[in-house]
Protein backbone atom coordinates (compact mmCIF):
# COMPACT_ATOMS: atom_id res chain seq x y z
CA MET A 1 89.87 59.57 -80.69
CA VAL A 2 92.81 57.30 -81.25
CA ALA A 3 91.81 53.72 -80.05
CA THR A 4 93.21 52.19 -77.23
CA THR A 5 96.42 50.27 -77.00
CA ALA A 6 95.96 46.61 -76.59
CA ILE A 7 97.51 45.99 -72.91
CA THR A 8 96.90 42.93 -70.64
CA VAL A 9 95.57 44.01 -67.55
CA THR A 10 93.32 42.18 -64.41
CA GLY A 11 92.80 45.20 -62.50
CA PRO A 12 92.52 48.66 -62.65
CA LEU A 13 95.84 50.95 -63.61
CA PRO A 14 97.66 53.02 -61.07
CA TRP A 15 95.88 56.14 -61.64
CA GLN A 16 92.33 54.46 -61.16
CA GLN A 17 92.73 53.26 -57.52
CA ARG A 18 90.41 55.70 -56.41
CA GLN A 19 87.86 55.06 -58.92
CA TRP A 20 88.39 51.17 -58.34
CA GLN A 21 87.88 51.40 -54.42
CA ARG A 22 84.39 53.41 -54.72
CA MET A 23 83.14 50.70 -57.04
CA HIS A 24 84.67 48.10 -54.37
CA GLU A 25 82.67 49.99 -51.58
CA ALA A 26 79.80 49.93 -53.85
CA LEU A 27 79.48 46.44 -54.44
CA ALA A 28 80.41 45.65 -50.68
CA ASN A 29 77.45 47.85 -49.27
CA ASP A 30 74.94 46.40 -51.75
CA ARG A 31 74.70 49.66 -53.56
CA PHE A 32 76.08 49.36 -56.88
CA PRO A 33 75.02 50.79 -59.89
CA HIS A 34 72.89 49.65 -62.78
CA ALA A 35 74.63 52.00 -65.49
CA LEU A 36 78.00 53.92 -65.20
CA LEU A 37 78.74 56.87 -67.53
CA MET A 38 82.58 56.56 -67.51
CA THR A 39 84.08 59.95 -68.98
CA GLY A 40 86.92 61.56 -69.44
CA ARG A 41 89.86 62.19 -72.24
CA PRO A 42 91.03 59.59 -74.93
CA GLY A 43 94.09 57.76 -73.41
CA ALA A 44 93.17 58.63 -69.62
CA GLY A 45 91.99 54.52 -69.43
CA LYS A 46 88.35 54.33 -69.28
CA ARG A 47 87.71 51.21 -71.72
CA LEU A 48 90.44 49.34 -69.53
CA PHE A 49 89.15 50.17 -66.16
CA ALA A 50 85.17 48.85 -67.58
CA ASP A 51 87.50 45.93 -69.17
CA ALA A 52 88.93 45.22 -65.32
CA LEU A 53 85.35 45.89 -64.18
CA MET A 54 83.46 43.42 -65.97
CA ALA A 55 86.24 40.87 -65.31
CA ARG A 56 85.69 41.41 -61.81
CA LEU A 57 81.96 41.03 -62.13
CA LEU A 58 82.17 37.76 -64.66
CA CYS A 59 84.78 36.22 -62.19
CA LEU A 60 83.61 33.27 -60.50
CA GLN A 61 86.83 33.08 -57.51
CA VAL A 62 88.08 36.92 -56.79
CA THR A 63 90.96 37.07 -55.38
CA ALA A 64 91.56 38.97 -51.93
CA ASP A 65 92.01 41.91 -53.72
CA GLY A 66 89.21 42.33 -55.37
CA GLN A 67 90.21 41.26 -58.87
CA ALA A 68 89.36 38.68 -61.65
CA CYS A 69 91.24 35.34 -60.94
CA GLY A 70 91.94 34.52 -64.21
CA HIS A 71 91.35 30.97 -64.84
CA CYS A 72 87.77 30.18 -63.49
CA ARG A 73 85.43 29.09 -65.96
CA GLY A 74 84.06 32.28 -65.83
CA CYS A 75 87.77 34.15 -66.79
CA ARG A 76 88.51 31.71 -69.26
CA LEU A 77 84.99 32.27 -71.22
CA ARG A 78 85.96 36.00 -71.00
CA LEU A 79 89.71 35.62 -72.30
CA ALA A 80 88.54 33.39 -74.74
CA ASP A 81 85.85 36.22 -76.54
CA ASN A 82 83.05 33.62 -76.01
CA HIS A 83 81.55 34.95 -72.44
CA PRO A 84 77.84 34.91 -72.98
CA ASP A 85 77.20 37.31 -70.60
CA ILE A 86 79.43 40.27 -72.61
CA PHE A 87 77.79 42.91 -74.87
CA LEU A 88 79.49 45.57 -76.68
CA LEU A 89 78.21 48.07 -79.07
CA GLN A 90 79.67 50.35 -81.20
CA PRO A 91 79.12 51.69 -84.32
CA LEU A 92 78.88 49.12 -87.06
CA PRO A 93 81.68 48.93 -89.60
CA ASP A 94 79.87 50.91 -92.07
CA LYS A 95 77.99 53.10 -89.81
CA GLN A 96 79.26 56.44 -88.22
CA GLU A 97 76.13 55.56 -85.38
CA ILE A 98 75.15 53.25 -82.86
CA ILE A 99 71.64 52.35 -84.30
CA ILE A 100 68.13 51.27 -83.27
CA ASP A 101 68.62 47.72 -84.37
CA GLN A 102 71.83 47.08 -82.37
CA ILE A 103 69.70 48.44 -78.96
CA ARG A 104 66.74 45.99 -80.20
CA ALA A 105 69.17 43.18 -80.59
CA LEU A 106 70.29 43.72 -77.22
CA ILE A 107 67.26 43.98 -75.55
CA ASP A 108 66.29 40.68 -77.04
CA ASP A 109 69.35 39.44 -75.87
CA LEU A 110 68.87 40.73 -72.34
CA ALA A 111 65.32 39.15 -72.00
CA THR A 112 66.69 36.19 -70.69
CA THR A 113 68.41 35.29 -67.65
CA ALA A 114 72.26 35.47 -67.02
CA GLN A 115 73.45 32.46 -68.90
CA GLN A 116 76.41 31.67 -66.27
CA GLY A 117 74.33 33.06 -63.45
CA GLY A 118 75.75 36.17 -62.31
CA TYR A 119 75.98 39.64 -63.84
CA ARG A 120 75.70 40.44 -67.19
CA VAL A 121 77.56 43.75 -68.49
CA VAL A 122 77.07 45.73 -71.53
CA ILE A 123 79.61 48.30 -72.77
CA ILE A 124 78.76 51.05 -74.84
CA ASP A 125 81.80 52.67 -76.45
CA PRO A 126 81.57 55.53 -77.54
CA ALA A 127 78.62 56.53 -75.99
CA GLU A 128 77.80 59.47 -78.00
CA ARG A 129 77.49 57.58 -81.25
CA LEU A 130 74.00 56.59 -80.16
CA ASN A 131 71.77 58.12 -82.40
CA SER A 132 68.56 59.88 -81.18
CA ALA A 133 66.80 56.85 -81.96
CA ALA A 134 69.20 54.28 -80.31
CA ALA A 135 69.46 56.40 -76.98
CA ASN A 136 65.51 56.76 -76.50
CA SER A 137 65.25 52.78 -77.11
CA LEU A 138 67.98 52.80 -74.50
CA LEU A 139 66.32 54.87 -72.01
CA LYS A 140 63.56 52.37 -71.68
CA VAL A 141 66.07 49.97 -70.68
CA LEU A 142 68.31 52.18 -68.35
CA GLU A 143 64.72 52.73 -66.63
CA GLU A 144 63.70 49.54 -65.70
CA PRO A 145 67.08 47.55 -65.33
CA GLY A 146 67.26 43.89 -64.75
CA GLU A 147 68.71 42.30 -61.72
CA SER A 148 72.76 41.86 -61.72
CA LEU A 149 72.96 44.12 -65.18
CA LEU A 150 75.49 46.88 -65.47
CA PHE A 151 75.55 49.49 -68.25
CA CYS A 152 78.91 50.58 -68.80
CA LEU A 153 79.09 53.92 -71.12
CA LEU A 154 81.92 55.07 -71.83
CA SER A 155 82.31 58.64 -73.40
CA SER A 156 84.71 61.49 -74.02
CA GLN A 157 82.01 63.85 -75.35
CA ALA A 158 79.19 63.32 -72.63
CA MET A 159 77.61 66.40 -73.27
CA ARG A 160 76.40 64.98 -76.87
CA LEU A 161 74.43 62.00 -74.81
CA PRO A 162 70.90 63.23 -73.86
CA ALA A 163 70.12 64.42 -70.18
CA THR A 164 67.87 61.86 -70.04
CA ILE A 165 70.69 59.23 -70.32
CA ARG A 166 73.18 61.13 -68.26
CA SER A 167 70.69 61.19 -65.53
CA ARG A 168 69.99 57.61 -65.40
CA CYS A 169 73.83 56.79 -65.26
CA GLN A 170 76.15 56.79 -62.33
CA HIS A 171 79.08 59.15 -63.22
CA LEU A 172 82.44 57.88 -62.82
CA PRO A 173 84.85 60.67 -64.32
CA PHE A 174 88.67 59.50 -65.25
CA PRO A 175 90.93 62.42 -65.34
CA LEU A 176 94.36 62.03 -66.89
CA PRO A 177 97.10 61.00 -64.31
CA LEU A 178 99.71 63.47 -63.06
CA ALA A 179 102.65 63.94 -64.83
CA ALA A 180 105.13 61.73 -62.89
CA GLU A 181 102.76 59.01 -62.54
CA ALA A 182 101.71 58.85 -66.05
CA GLU A 183 105.78 59.08 -67.08
CA GLU A 184 106.87 56.39 -64.37
CA TRP A 185 104.38 53.66 -65.83
CA LEU A 186 105.04 55.10 -69.28
CA ARG A 187 108.89 53.92 -68.98
CA GLN A 188 107.59 50.61 -67.56
CA GLN A 189 105.99 50.03 -71.02
CA LEU A 190 108.23 50.98 -73.55
CA PRO A 191 111.53 49.58 -75.22
CA ARG A 192 113.42 52.68 -74.59
CA PRO A 193 112.37 54.64 -71.57
CA GLU A 194 114.14 57.72 -72.09
CA GLN A 195 111.36 58.68 -74.76
CA SER A 196 108.33 58.35 -72.55
CA GLN A 197 108.43 62.34 -71.72
CA SER A 198 108.54 63.42 -75.35
CA LEU A 199 105.74 61.11 -75.65
CA LEU A 200 103.75 62.21 -72.88
CA VAL A 201 104.07 65.80 -74.43
CA ALA A 202 103.07 64.71 -77.97
CA ALA A 203 99.88 62.89 -76.89
CA PHE A 204 98.83 65.76 -74.19
CA GLY A 205 99.55 63.72 -71.08
CA SER A 206 97.71 60.57 -71.96
CA PRO A 207 99.76 57.98 -71.29
CA LEU A 208 98.26 55.11 -73.19
CA THR A 209 98.35 57.59 -76.50
CA ALA A 210 101.60 58.02 -75.85
CA LEU A 211 102.10 54.22 -75.68
CA GLN A 212 100.30 53.77 -79.16
CA LEU A 213 102.17 57.07 -80.56
CA SER A 214 105.48 55.02 -79.51
CA ARG A 215 104.34 52.01 -82.02
CA ARG A 216 103.40 53.94 -84.77
CA GLU A 217 106.25 54.99 -86.55
CA ASP A 218 106.44 52.41 -89.68
CA ALA A 219 105.22 54.37 -92.51
CA ALA A 220 103.06 51.97 -93.78
CA GLU A 221 100.74 52.06 -90.85
CA ASN A 222 99.85 55.76 -90.82
CA PRO A 223 99.68 56.49 -94.84
CA VAL A 224 98.20 60.23 -93.72
CA SER A 225 102.23 61.69 -93.77
CA ALA A 226 102.20 60.94 -97.25
CA GLN A 227 99.28 62.43 -97.75
CA LEU A 228 99.89 65.77 -96.10
CA LEU A 229 103.78 65.74 -97.88
CA ALA A 230 101.95 65.30 -101.15
CA LEU A 231 99.68 68.38 -100.62
CA LEU A 232 102.75 70.62 -99.20
CA GLN A 233 104.55 70.13 -102.35
CA GLY A 234 101.68 70.56 -104.74
CA GLN A 235 101.24 66.76 -105.68
CA SER A 236 97.61 66.47 -104.65
CA SER A 237 94.67 69.04 -104.37
CA PRO A 238 92.50 69.19 -101.37
CA VAL A 239 89.82 67.87 -103.20
CA GLU A 240 91.52 64.84 -104.03
CA VAL A 241 92.91 64.08 -100.16
CA ALA A 242 89.64 64.54 -98.88
CA ALA A 243 88.47 62.39 -100.75
CA SER A 244 90.86 59.70 -100.37
CA TRP A 245 90.41 60.39 -96.35
CA LEU A 246 86.78 60.05 -96.86
CA GLN A 247 87.28 56.55 -98.48
CA ALA A 248 89.79 55.46 -96.13
CA GLY A 249 86.70 55.91 -93.22
CA SER A 250 86.11 59.17 -90.94
CA GLN A 251 87.03 57.56 -87.89
CA GLU A 252 89.95 55.85 -88.84
CA THR A 253 91.54 58.76 -91.00
CA LEU A 254 90.91 61.10 -87.92
CA ASP A 255 93.02 58.64 -85.72
CA LYS A 256 96.03 58.93 -88.17
CA LEU A 257 95.80 62.54 -88.31
CA TYR A 258 95.84 62.51 -84.63
CA ALA A 259 98.54 60.21 -84.33
CA CYS A 260 100.52 62.22 -87.42
CA LEU A 261 100.32 65.29 -85.96
CA ALA A 262 101.38 64.24 -81.81
CA GLN A 263 104.20 62.60 -83.93
CA LEU A 264 105.32 65.75 -85.61
CA LEU A 265 104.55 68.05 -82.55
CA ARG A 266 106.84 65.48 -80.47
CA LEU A 267 110.01 65.74 -83.69
CA GLN A 268 109.58 69.84 -82.94
CA TRP A 269 111.19 68.71 -79.71
CA VAL A 270 113.42 66.02 -80.12
CA PRO A 271 115.63 64.17 -82.36
CA ALA A 272 114.24 61.73 -84.95
CA PRO A 273 114.69 58.50 -83.47
CA ALA A 274 116.48 55.92 -85.64
CA THR A 275 112.96 54.05 -86.47
CA VAL A 276 111.01 56.78 -87.36
CA ASP A 277 108.65 57.13 -90.09
CA PRO A 278 111.11 58.82 -93.13
CA VAL A 279 107.86 59.99 -95.25
CA LEU A 280 107.47 61.58 -91.50
CA GLN A 281 110.97 63.11 -91.31
CA LYS A 282 110.40 64.54 -94.87
CA LEU A 283 107.14 66.27 -93.68
CA HIS A 284 108.81 67.49 -90.70
CA GLN A 285 112.05 69.00 -92.46
CA GLN A 286 109.29 70.68 -95.00
CA LEU A 287 107.09 72.47 -92.68
CA GLN A 288 110.98 73.79 -91.19
CA LEU A 289 111.40 75.21 -94.65
CA GLU A 290 108.02 76.65 -94.36
CA GLY A 291 108.63 78.32 -90.87
CA ARG A 292 105.61 76.63 -89.30
CA HIS A 293 105.95 75.81 -85.70
CA ALA A 294 104.13 74.18 -82.74
CA ASP A 295 101.01 76.71 -82.86
CA ALA A 296 100.30 75.69 -86.55
CA LEU A 297 100.14 71.92 -85.50
CA TYR A 298 98.20 72.57 -82.52
CA SER A 299 96.02 74.48 -84.92
CA MET A 300 95.46 71.37 -87.03
CA LEU A 301 94.67 69.40 -83.78
CA ASP A 302 91.85 71.51 -82.07
CA SER A 303 90.36 71.21 -85.86
CA VAL A 304 90.72 67.10 -85.62
CA HIS A 305 89.13 67.54 -82.49
CA GLU A 306 86.04 69.01 -83.83
CA LEU A 307 85.51 66.82 -86.34
CA LEU A 308 86.00 64.24 -84.08
CA ARG A 309 83.11 65.98 -81.87
CA LEU A 310 80.64 66.39 -85.05
CA GLN A 311 81.21 62.52 -86.19
CA GLY A 312 77.73 61.04 -85.95
CA THR A 313 75.77 63.93 -87.21
CA SER A 314 74.16 65.01 -90.49
CA LEU A 315 76.83 67.30 -91.82
CA ASN A 316 78.56 66.77 -95.11
CA GLN A 317 81.71 64.85 -94.27
CA SER A 318 83.45 65.46 -97.68
CA LEU A 319 83.02 69.54 -97.29
CA LEU A 320 84.65 69.14 -93.87
CA PHE A 321 87.50 67.06 -95.03
CA GLU A 322 87.76 69.54 -98.00
CA ALA A 323 87.95 72.36 -95.00
CA LEU A 324 91.14 70.44 -93.19
CA ALA A 325 93.22 69.73 -95.92
CA ILE A 326 92.94 73.74 -96.87
CA GLN A 327 93.45 74.35 -93.53
CA TRP A 328 96.90 72.57 -93.69
CA LEU A 329 97.64 74.25 -96.89
CA THR A 330 97.01 77.94 -95.46
CA THR A 331 97.95 77.55 -91.50
CA GLU A 332 101.09 79.11 -90.64
């Protein structure tokens, strides 16, 4: 859903120690898997864990506590985004899916040995965006993996993956941290720690999502609030707004809708900070005038989650966005 906030890490997040220990023991006992399916809600830190594990595997001088040193040749190449043994698969900018041509190119790259003589790491994020042809092609690689090769498949909707793919991966779940642990970590990241609790509520307990929300209070960063306000005030029609959302890109629009709705939920419980988007504040006031409360916003968020689940399908995206815009006008 919402993209992971850029955070510099060399190891796992505090609530990921159990998963990290599991990987450490597997390495020490020569039982390290060739494919991991990392699952969990957005904002739980799956990608950060994958990055930390990748750093550990590619480091040439691992520290005593099993983390990347940050200064060897392998670490320097990785930090410069220039490591030849790192492969990242995501949907192309003009696509909703990961397509078979990307998997074929990956297979060609993996046909040679690791250029740095150690592990090669493939991160597929989000894995549920593999279309059927790409998934079938990937399956052949997972059935006959090469030496010192790790696939990290990251997914918030793992059941959309074929059962054959899931069965060839070791499952590594990432539940959200307990509220106290999440708040303690978030307070250390925020310039205003007192916001941590309300941000976590708005982010449904996801600490990384909460951190991103804290950095999205600039009107220019999220024009969706202005579009939702225009809908309520009769200045735009659902068809016009839906067309604008589709033109901006489905994934980007849904991310911004999520951020906007979460911030509106936050305003239900706490006074608006001085830095809040003034358009968002007007939108909040308009909703209050119409008597709309948290239930209506949660209903909209459910619809956004459903649209995220349907990304990459053959359904008409334009009609889906129109239905979402109509729901915004009619939900009480």
